Protein backbone atom coordinates (compact mmCIF):
# COMPACT_ATOMS: atom_id res chain seq x y z
CA MET A 1 -71.72 38.06 53.61
CA ASN A 2 -73.55 36.11 56.26
CA HIS A 3 -71.81 32.72 56.41
CA ASP A 4 -75.04 31.15 57.70
CA ILE A 5 -76.97 32.21 54.60
CA LEU A 6 -77.48 28.59 53.53
CA GLU A 7 -79.50 28.13 56.71
CA GLN A 8 -81.83 30.90 55.56
CA VAL A 9 -82.56 29.93 51.92
CA ARG A 10 -83.74 26.91 49.94
CA ARG A 11 -83.95 28.20 46.36
CA ILE A 12 -80.67 29.15 44.66
CA HIS A 13 -80.01 30.32 41.10
CA PHE A 14 -76.56 29.87 39.47
CA VAL A 15 -75.49 32.36 36.79
CA GLY A 16 -72.96 30.46 34.65
CA ILE A 17 -73.82 27.09 36.18
CA GLY A 18 -71.79 25.18 33.57
CA GLY A 19 -68.45 26.61 34.74
CA SER A 20 -65.85 24.20 36.08
CA GLY A 21 -66.01 25.82 39.51
CA MET A 22 -69.79 26.25 39.53
CA CYS A 23 -70.95 22.78 38.51
CA PRO A 24 -69.47 20.90 41.52
CA LEU A 25 -70.91 23.46 43.94
CA ALA A 26 -74.33 23.03 42.34
CA GLU A 27 -74.02 19.24 42.65
CA ILE A 28 -73.20 19.44 46.36
CA LEU A 29 -76.03 21.85 47.13
CA HIS A 30 -78.48 19.79 45.07
CA HIS A 31 -77.60 16.68 47.06
CA GLU A 32 -78.07 18.67 50.27
CA GLY A 33 -81.68 19.31 49.25
CA PHE A 34 -81.55 22.85 47.88
CA GLU A 35 -83.79 23.74 44.92
CA LEU A 36 -81.55 24.93 42.10
CA THR A 37 -81.91 26.62 38.74
CA GLY A 38 -79.17 27.79 36.42
CA SER A 39 -78.30 29.63 33.26
CA ASP A 40 -75.35 29.64 30.88
CA MET A 41 -74.28 30.93 27.49
CA ASN A 42 -72.83 27.75 26.00
CA GLU A 43 -73.75 24.09 25.95
CA SER A 44 -71.18 21.78 27.58
CA ASP A 45 -70.65 18.38 29.13
CA THR A 46 -71.04 19.95 32.56
CA LEU A 47 -74.51 21.24 31.64
CA GLU A 48 -75.52 17.73 30.62
CA ARG A 49 -74.34 16.53 34.02
CA ILE A 50 -76.33 19.27 35.77
CA ARG A 51 -79.49 18.48 33.80
CA SER A 52 -79.14 14.78 34.67
CA TYR A 53 -79.97 15.73 38.27
CA GLY A 54 -83.20 17.37 37.13
CA ILE A 55 -81.86 20.89 37.62
CA PRO A 56 -83.49 23.28 35.09
CA VAL A 57 -80.92 25.16 32.95
CA THR A 58 -81.77 28.09 30.67
CA MET A 59 -79.50 29.09 27.79
CA GLY A 60 -78.77 32.82 27.75
CA HIS A 61 -78.99 35.36 30.55
CA LYS A 62 -82.38 37.00 31.10
CA ALA A 63 -83.93 38.72 34.12
CA GLU A 64 -86.76 36.21 34.35
CA ASN A 65 -84.31 33.30 34.73
CA ILE A 66 -83.86 33.95 38.45
CA GLY A 67 -87.51 33.02 39.04
CA ASN A 68 -88.32 32.78 42.74
CA ALA A 69 -84.70 32.34 43.86
CA GLU A 70 -83.77 33.46 47.36
CA LEU A 71 -80.04 33.60 46.55
CA VAL A 72 -78.08 34.11 43.33
CA VAL A 73 -74.55 32.71 42.86
CA TYR A 74 -72.50 33.98 39.93
CA THR A 75 -69.19 33.06 38.33
CA ALA A 76 -66.38 35.63 38.32
CA ALA A 77 -66.60 35.78 34.51
CA VAL A 78 -70.05 37.40 34.75
CA LYS A 79 -70.07 41.20 34.50
CA HIS A 80 -71.98 43.36 36.97
CA ASP A 81 -74.33 44.58 34.24
CA ASN A 82 -75.54 41.01 33.71
CA ALA A 83 -79.33 41.00 33.36
CA GLU A 84 -79.81 38.35 36.05
CA LEU A 85 -77.58 40.08 38.59
CA MET A 86 -79.32 43.40 37.94
CA ALA A 87 -82.73 41.75 38.37
CA ALA A 88 -81.63 40.21 41.66
CA GLU A 89 -80.40 43.58 42.91
CA GLU A 90 -83.67 45.26 41.94
CA ARG A 91 -85.63 42.62 43.87
CA GLY A 92 -83.33 42.67 46.89
CA ILE A 93 -82.15 39.09 46.39
CA PRO A 94 -78.63 38.48 47.82
CA THR A 95 -75.91 37.74 45.24
CA ILE A 96 -72.55 36.13 45.96
CA GLU A 97 -69.56 35.27 43.80
CA ARG A 98 -68.53 31.63 43.35
CA SER A 99 -65.43 31.82 45.59
CA VAL A 100 -67.55 33.14 48.46
CA MET A 101 -69.98 30.24 48.05
CA LEU A 102 -67.04 27.82 47.96
CA GLY A 103 -65.93 29.17 51.32
CA ILE A 104 -69.45 28.84 52.75
CA VAL A 105 -69.87 25.28 51.45
CA SER A 106 -66.43 24.08 52.54
CA ARG A 107 -67.01 25.33 56.07
CA ARG A 108 -69.91 22.88 56.34
CA TYR A 109 -67.35 20.03 56.30
CA LYS A 110 -65.28 19.06 59.35
CA ASN A 111 -62.30 18.04 57.20
CA SER A 112 -61.91 20.69 54.50
CA ILE A 113 -58.73 20.27 52.46
CA ALA A 114 -57.62 23.21 50.31
CA VAL A 115 -54.85 22.78 47.75
CA SER A 116 -52.96 25.99 46.95
CA GLY A 117 -49.83 27.00 45.07
CA THR A 118 -48.89 28.83 41.90
CA HIS A 119 -48.57 25.58 39.94
CA GLY A 120 -49.96 22.06 40.15
CA LYS A 121 -53.19 22.72 42.08
CA THR A 122 -55.52 20.84 39.74
CA THR A 123 -53.31 17.77 39.42
CA THR A 124 -52.66 17.54 43.16
CA THR A 125 -56.32 18.11 44.06
CA ALA A 126 -57.20 15.30 41.67
CA MET A 127 -54.48 13.04 43.11
CA ILE A 128 -55.70 13.60 46.69
CA THR A 129 -59.29 12.99 45.60
CA GLN A 130 -58.42 9.71 43.89
CA VAL A 131 -56.32 8.52 46.84
CA CYS A 132 -59.10 9.40 49.30
CA ILE A 133 -61.67 7.51 47.23
CA ASP A 134 -59.42 4.46 47.01
CA GLY A 135 -58.63 4.79 50.72
CA GLY A 136 -62.31 4.64 51.70
CA VAL A 137 -62.65 8.26 52.81
CA ASP A 138 -65.58 8.94 50.42
CA PRO A 139 -64.83 12.67 49.96
CA SER A 140 -66.67 15.44 48.19
CA ALA A 141 -64.42 17.26 45.73
CA ILE A 142 -64.20 20.39 43.59
CA ILE A 143 -61.45 20.08 40.97
CA GLY A 144 -60.37 22.52 38.25
CA GLY A 145 -60.19 19.77 35.63
CA LYS A 146 -61.91 16.52 34.76
CA LEU A 147 -60.67 13.49 36.71
CA PRO A 148 -61.26 10.24 34.77
CA ALA A 149 -61.75 8.26 37.99
CA ILE A 150 -64.92 10.24 38.79
CA GLY A 151 -65.98 11.16 35.26
CA GLY A 152 -65.98 14.90 35.93
CA ASN A 153 -64.51 17.70 38.00
CA GLY A 154 -66.71 17.31 41.06
CA ARG A 155 -67.92 14.64 43.43
CA VAL A 156 -70.46 14.43 46.23
CA GLY A 157 -69.35 12.12 49.02
CA LYS A 158 -71.00 11.05 52.26
CA SER A 159 -68.14 11.86 54.62
CA GLU A 160 -67.09 15.02 56.47
CA THR A 161 -64.20 15.52 54.01
CA ILE A 162 -64.14 17.95 51.07
CA ILE A 163 -61.15 18.57 48.79
CA CYS A 164 -60.94 21.74 46.71
CA GLU A 165 -58.53 24.02 44.90
CA ALA A 166 -57.54 27.29 46.54
CA CYS A 167 -56.64 29.83 43.84
CA GLU A 168 -54.52 32.81 44.85
CA TYR A 169 -55.56 35.12 42.00
CA VAL A 170 -57.15 38.33 43.37
CA ASP A 171 -56.87 36.67 46.80
CA THR A 172 -59.75 34.31 46.03
CA PHE A 173 -58.38 31.72 48.45
CA LEU A 174 -58.83 34.12 51.35
CA GLN A 175 -62.53 33.25 51.22
CA LEU A 176 -61.54 29.85 52.64
CA SER A 177 -60.77 28.78 56.19
CA PRO A 178 -59.66 25.15 55.70
CA ALA A 179 -58.86 22.55 58.31
CA ILE A 180 -55.97 21.32 56.14
CA SER A 181 -54.10 23.38 53.55
CA VAL A 182 -51.48 22.32 51.02
CA ILE A 183 -49.00 24.88 49.63
CA LEU A 184 -47.26 23.34 46.62
CA ASN A 185 -45.09 26.28 45.61
CA ILE A 186 -45.08 30.09 45.50
CA ASP A 187 -43.87 31.78 42.33
CA ALA A 188 -44.05 35.23 40.74
CA ASP A 189 -47.40 35.25 38.92
CA HIS A 190 -50.50 37.43 38.64
CA LEU A 191 -48.22 40.42 39.07
CA ASP A 192 -50.91 42.59 37.47
CA TYR A 193 -52.74 42.15 40.79
CA PHE A 194 -50.05 41.42 43.38
CA GLY A 195 -47.35 43.73 42.02
CA THR A 196 -44.47 41.89 43.71
CA LEU A 197 -43.51 38.41 44.84
CA GLU A 198 -43.42 39.71 48.40
CA ASN A 199 -47.10 40.58 48.19
CA ILE A 200 -47.88 37.07 46.93
CA ILE A 201 -46.01 35.57 49.89
CA LYS A 202 -47.98 37.86 52.25
CA SER A 203 -51.25 36.55 50.81
CA PHE A 204 -50.13 32.95 51.30
CA HIS A 205 -49.18 33.86 54.86
CA GLN A 206 -52.71 35.17 55.43
CA PHE A 207 -54.13 32.01 53.86
CA SER A 208 -51.95 29.95 56.20
CA SER A 209 -53.22 31.92 59.19
CA GLN A 210 -56.78 30.98 58.21
CA THR A 211 -55.94 27.25 58.30
CA SER A 212 -57.04 25.67 61.57
CA ARG A 213 -55.35 22.29 61.83
CA LEU A 214 -52.56 21.36 59.39
CA LEU A 215 -50.32 23.02 56.79
CA VAL A 216 -48.63 20.69 54.29
CA ILE A 217 -45.93 22.72 52.55
CA ASN A 218 -43.15 22.22 50.02
CA GLY A 219 -40.11 22.39 52.28
CA ASP A 220 -37.80 22.74 49.28
CA ASP A 221 -39.44 26.04 48.31
CA PRO A 222 -38.01 29.01 50.27
CA ASN A 223 -41.10 31.09 49.47
CA CYS A 224 -43.34 28.45 51.04
CA ARG A 225 -41.19 28.36 54.15
CA LYS A 226 -41.27 32.15 54.35
CA ALA A 227 -45.07 32.20 53.98
CA VAL A 228 -45.57 30.07 57.10
CA GLU A 229 -43.07 31.87 59.31
CA GLY A 230 -44.67 32.70 62.65
CA ILE A 231 -47.76 30.57 61.98
CA GLN A 232 -48.96 28.99 65.25
CA ASN A 233 -52.60 28.21 64.51
CA ALA A 234 -51.81 25.00 62.61
CA ARG A 235 -49.24 22.22 62.65
CA ILE A 236 -46.73 22.38 59.77
CA ILE A 237 -45.58 19.28 57.86
CA THR A 238 -43.06 19.52 55.02
CA PHE A 239 -42.57 17.45 51.87
CA GLY A 240 -39.91 17.61 49.17
CA MET A 241 -36.88 16.04 47.55
CA ASN A 242 -34.57 17.04 50.41
CA GLU A 243 -34.28 14.35 53.07
CA ASN A 244 -34.64 16.99 55.79
CA ASN A 245 -38.36 17.19 55.00
CA ASP A 246 -40.90 15.22 57.02
CA TYR A 247 -41.88 13.35 53.85
CA SER A 248 -39.32 12.94 51.06
CA ALA A 249 -38.66 11.09 47.82
CA HIS A 250 -35.56 8.91 47.62
CA GLY A 251 -34.04 7.02 44.71
CA ILE A 252 -35.97 8.76 41.95
CA SER A 253 -35.49 6.85 38.69
CA ASP A 254 -36.79 7.47 35.18
CA LEU A 255 -39.01 4.85 33.63
CA PRO A 256 -40.10 4.48 29.99
CA LYS A 257 -42.11 7.49 28.74
CA ALA A 258 -40.32 9.70 31.29
CA CYS A 259 -42.42 8.59 34.26
CA GLU A 260 -40.80 8.43 37.69
CA SER A 261 -40.43 5.80 40.38
CA PHE A 262 -39.33 6.63 43.92
CA SER A 263 -39.41 5.53 47.55
CA LEU A 264 -41.47 7.57 50.01
CA TYR A 265 -39.81 8.25 53.34
CA LYS A 266 -41.47 9.58 56.48
CA ASN A 267 -39.16 11.02 59.13
CA GLY A 268 -36.24 9.11 57.64
CA GLU A 269 -38.02 5.75 57.36
CA LYS A 270 -39.29 4.19 54.14
CA ILE A 271 -43.07 3.67 54.12
CA SER A 272 -43.81 2.83 50.46
CA ASP A 273 -42.59 2.66 46.87
CA ILE A 274 -44.43 4.76 44.29
CA THR A 275 -44.37 4.36 40.51
CA LEU A 276 -46.15 7.16 38.68
CA SER A 277 -48.03 6.93 35.39
CA VAL A 278 -47.63 10.68 34.78
CA PRO A 279 -44.22 11.97 33.68
CA GLY A 280 -42.20 14.88 35.00
CA LYS A 281 -40.24 15.64 38.15
CA HIS A 282 -42.91 18.17 39.11
CA ASN A 283 -45.33 15.27 39.50
CA VAL A 284 -43.06 13.66 42.07
CA LEU A 285 -43.68 16.74 44.23
CA ASN A 286 -47.40 16.66 43.50
CA ALA A 287 -47.51 12.98 44.48
CA LEU A 288 -45.50 13.68 47.64
CA ALA A 289 -48.06 16.28 48.70
CA ALA A 290 -50.91 13.85 48.04
CA ALA A 291 -49.18 11.01 49.90
CA THR A 292 -48.50 13.30 52.86
CA VAL A 293 -52.16 14.28 53.14
CA ALA A 294 -53.21 10.64 52.74
CA ASP A 295 -50.94 9.51 55.55
CA TYR A 296 -52.27 12.23 57.85
CA LEU A 297 -55.82 11.06 57.08
CA GLY A 298 -54.84 7.52 58.09
CA ILE A 299 -54.86 5.97 54.61
CA ASP A 300 -52.51 2.99 54.37
CA PRO A 301 -49.31 4.05 52.54
CA LYS A 302 -49.46 1.02 50.26
CA THR A 303 -53.05 1.86 49.27
CA ALA A 304 -52.03 5.47 48.57
CA ALA A 305 -49.04 4.33 46.50
CA GLU A 306 -51.17 2.01 44.38
CA SER A 307 -53.75 4.75 43.86
CA LEU A 308 -51.10 7.27 42.77
CA GLY A 309 -49.72 4.67 40.39
CA ARG A 310 -53.13 4.42 38.71
CA PHE A 311 -53.50 8.20 38.40
CA THR A 312 -53.33 9.16 34.72
CA GLY A 313 -53.83 12.91 34.87
CA VAL A 314 -56.65 15.38 34.35
CA HIS A 315 -58.16 17.27 31.43
CA ARG A 316 -55.75 19.73 29.76
CA ARG A 317 -52.73 18.56 31.76
CA PHE A 318 -50.67 17.10 28.90
CA GLU A 319 -53.80 15.43 27.65
CA ILE A 320 -52.90 13.26 24.67
CA LEU A 321 -55.64 13.57 22.06
CA GLY A 322 -54.37 11.01 19.58
CA LYS A 323 -51.58 9.77 17.36
CA PHE A 324 -51.97 10.12 13.60
CA ASP A 325 -49.48 8.58 11.14
CA GLY A 326 -46.87 8.65 13.87
CA VAL A 327 -47.54 12.24 14.99
CA THR A 328 -48.79 12.57 18.58
CA VAL A 329 -51.13 15.48 19.38
CA ALA A 330 -51.48 16.73 22.95
CA ASP A 331 -52.79 19.76 24.84
CA ASP A 332 -51.64 21.35 28.10
CA PHE A 333 -52.82 24.20 30.33
CA ALA A 334 -49.29 25.53 31.04
CA HIS A 335 -49.28 29.32 30.78
CA HIS A 336 -46.51 30.42 33.20
CA PRO A 337 -42.78 29.97 32.47
CA THR A 338 -42.34 27.54 35.37
CA GLU A 339 -45.21 25.40 34.06
CA LEU A 340 -43.90 25.57 30.49
CA ASN A 341 -40.46 24.53 31.67
CA ALA A 342 -41.85 21.54 33.59
CA THR A 343 -44.11 20.36 30.75
CA LEU A 344 -41.62 20.92 27.93
CA THR A 345 -38.77 19.31 29.87
CA ALA A 346 -40.94 16.24 30.46
CA ALA A 347 -41.97 16.20 26.78
CA SER A 348 -38.36 16.44 25.66
CA ARG A 349 -37.54 13.31 27.68
CA MET A 350 -40.35 11.20 26.28
CA GLY A 351 -38.46 9.96 23.24
CA PHE A 352 -40.15 12.02 20.50
CA ARG A 353 -38.16 12.79 17.36
CA ALA A 354 -39.01 16.47 17.81
CA VAL A 355 -41.41 18.57 19.90
CA TRP A 356 -43.61 21.24 18.31
CA ALA A 357 -44.79 23.74 20.94
CA LEU A 358 -47.81 25.77 19.81
CA PHE A 359 -48.11 28.40 22.54
CA GLN A 360 -50.75 31.04 23.22
CA PRO A 361 -49.30 33.73 25.54
CA HIS A 362 -51.81 34.53 28.30
CA THR A 363 -52.23 38.22 29.28
CA TYR A 364 -50.05 41.18 28.32
CA SER A 365 -48.81 41.75 31.87
CA ARG A 366 -47.55 38.21 32.37
CA THR A 367 -45.86 38.17 28.95
CA TYR A 368 -44.20 41.55 29.53
CA LEU A 369 -43.08 40.98 33.11
CA LEU A 370 -41.80 37.42 32.55
CA LEU A 371 -40.58 37.79 28.96
CA GLU A 372 -37.07 36.44 29.53
CA ASP A 373 -38.37 33.48 31.53
CA PHE A 374 -40.83 32.63 28.75
CA ALA A 375 -38.01 32.80 26.19
CA ARG A 376 -35.86 30.38 28.20
CA ALA A 377 -38.70 27.87 28.61
CA LEU A 378 -39.64 28.03 24.92
CA SER A 379 -36.04 27.33 23.94
CA ILE A 380 -36.47 23.74 25.19
CA PRO A 381 -38.51 22.30 22.25
CA GLU A 382 -37.16 22.01 18.70
CA HIS A 383 -39.97 24.09 17.16
CA VAL A 384 -42.14 26.90 18.52
CA VAL A 385 -45.21 28.54 16.97
CA LEU A 386 -46.84 31.49 18.75
CA SER A 387 -50.35 32.87 18.51
CA PRO A 388 -51.18 36.50 19.34
CA ILE A 389 -51.25 37.29 23.06
CA LEU A 390 -54.62 36.53 24.65
CA ALA A 391 -55.75 39.75 26.33
CA VAL A 392 -58.18 38.14 28.81
CA ARG A 393 -59.06 41.05 31.11
CA GLU A 394 -56.41 43.55 29.98
CA THR A 395 -55.64 46.25 27.44
CA ASN A 396 -52.17 46.37 25.93
CA THR A 397 -50.76 49.24 27.94
CA TYR A 398 -47.42 47.40 27.93
CA GLN A 399 -47.13 47.57 24.13
CA ILE A 400 -46.02 43.94 24.12
CA TYR A 401 -46.63 41.58 21.21
CA ALA A 402 -46.01 37.91 20.44
CA LYS A 403 -43.23 38.95 18.04
CA ASP A 404 -41.30 40.41 20.99
CA LEU A 405 -41.21 36.93 22.50
CA ALA A 406 -40.58 35.22 19.16
CA ASP A 407 -37.50 37.36 18.57
CA LYS A 408 -35.92 35.82 21.68
CA VAL A 409 -36.63 32.20 20.67
CA PRO A 410 -34.50 30.82 17.80
CA GLY A 411 -36.55 29.75 14.79
CA CYS A 412 -39.85 30.78 16.40
CA VAL A 413 -42.80 31.50 14.09
CA CYS A 414 -45.74 33.86 14.80
CA LEU A 415 -49.09 33.19 13.14
CA ASP A 416 -52.40 35.03 13.50
CA THR A 417 -54.98 32.23 13.66
CA PHE A 418 -55.36 28.72 15.04
CA GLU A 419 -56.11 27.57 11.49
CA GLU A 420 -52.72 28.83 10.30
CA MET A 421 -50.95 27.34 13.32
CA ALA A 422 -52.60 23.96 12.77
CA ASP A 423 -51.78 23.90 9.05
CA TYR A 424 -48.17 24.98 9.64
CA ALA A 425 -47.49 22.33 12.29
CA MET A 426 -49.17 19.56 10.31
CA GLU A 427 -47.31 20.49 7.14
CA HIS A 428 -43.91 20.30 8.83
CA ALA A 429 -44.35 17.62 11.52
CA GLN A 430 -42.91 14.16 10.77
CA PRO A 431 -43.63 10.69 12.15
CA GLY A 432 -42.28 10.45 15.67
CA ASP A 433 -42.99 14.13 16.44
CA LEU A 434 -45.17 15.61 19.16
CA ILE A 435 -47.47 18.56 18.44
CA LEU A 436 -48.23 20.11 21.82
CA THR A 437 -50.58 23.07 22.29
CA LEU A 438 -49.96 25.11 25.42
CA GLY A 439 -51.75 27.95 27.20
CA GLY A 440 -54.39 28.93 29.70
CA GLY A 441 -56.82 30.33 27.15
CA ASP A 442 -58.59 28.68 24.23
CA ILE A 443 -55.53 27.21 22.48
CA TYR A 444 -57.15 23.81 23.06
CA LYS A 445 -59.32 24.70 20.07
CA CYS A 446 -56.17 24.57 17.94
CA ALA A 447 -55.40 21.08 19.25
CA ASN A 448 -58.95 19.97 18.49
CA LEU A 449 -58.66 21.51 15.02
CA ILE A 450 -55.48 19.54 14.34
CA VAL A 451 -57.21 16.31 15.38
CA GLU A 452 -60.19 17.12 13.14
CA LYS A 453 -57.93 17.86 10.19
CA TYR A 454 -56.05 14.59 10.62
CA GLN A 455 -59.34 12.72 10.86
CA LYS A 456 -60.75 14.41 7.75
CA ALA A 457 -57.57 13.49 5.92
CA GLY A 458 -58.34 9.87 6.75
CA LYS A 459 -55.60 9.50 9.34
CA SER A 460 -56.77 7.00 11.93
CA ALA A 461 -55.78 7.48 15.55
CA GLU A 462 -53.31 5.05 17.06
CA LYS A 463 -53.45 4.07 20.73
CA VAL A 464 -51.31 6.15 23.10
CA CYS A 465 -50.79 4.86 26.63
CA CYS A 466 -49.12 7.70 28.47
CA THR A 467 -50.19 11.15 29.67
CA VAL A 468 -48.39 13.95 31.43
CA ALA A 469 -49.96 16.11 34.13
CA GLN A 470 -49.03 19.61 35.24
């Protein structure tokens, strides 16, 4: 694809414009003066945001929707037999996938910051965005979840800085060539595509080689260190718990609600104290990455620390939905054993009487290949309820079922529908308990259903002042 294509077109149509990755791109291009149209299948808050800019949005996909567009951008969820893509092909209109457009757009910024890693990308991207805003950088941003500080998952700034997530799945992040890249961690995931951990590390190495100025990596993670071996095109800065890192956390102490407080050290010297509002040791690492980037950008360490202290998380990262008659209801995106372990460990330290984990396994391949790891993570909470495995893009060639996982988790229950899961948890949960839905699919609907049922039963929500972010 011609990377100068935005110099050649003015009218762009977005297929699936309401998607979390599409909406921010549309906002940026709209503010740059491009004429946009869009289509989508479902109404959403993001579509309302898009319409507020005067961008026409059509519900449903039809050939005529592309109008007089000179370029069509489509989300990865759209199939190739989509009516709008087929119409564009018939008329000779170029079509590009969202990740390609992200690469094109980000290259228009002098300071492009890409946040990568198997876990924690959304939270860390949001942290860096909030710190940059508070530090006067005025960045543009593309985030995989809603950040309360900006009222959405995207932002159009006036500076030469853009912050975005860099997802490794199907090598999407190789469409990017950032000035600054963050590598939070490298874990065995998406093995249906990569096959082996070694192949994942090779992809991160390639991503690192496409970074022009700075690599900020988790020095405690041997896979991260391996991924940047031999890299000479960019400076490498490390962060982590170990004091041998360039930036490190010292004196980590638990605070009420399982949040952490620590001192940030740079090259052995203390530069700030940070008290987080989001629980979990994993968030110490996320905050370290954000603070490292902030310091490189010249943001005062005290300003960065205060900003990180105000950060309260993003949508679907241990998002607390309410507390009803003493039962707290929350939802989290965790769908990999490492993420489940981090979230459930944090939840177990938050002082709840008992934790109810309502988990939707995500893809047959991940469940099959990481079965034992899932079982260990799901042994942390007192109660576990499983839904059927969400197929996503796969067929069950592995012959794996939720019951295979349930058999390895003491007391685990398998239920077929979100309705049954909601009723079961509500029937057995007691005051002081946490009902936590987990998964990368649509398990959030179960959390919303639980909230609706409590509300219909006349249970009023009590104020909850703490969130957890993954």
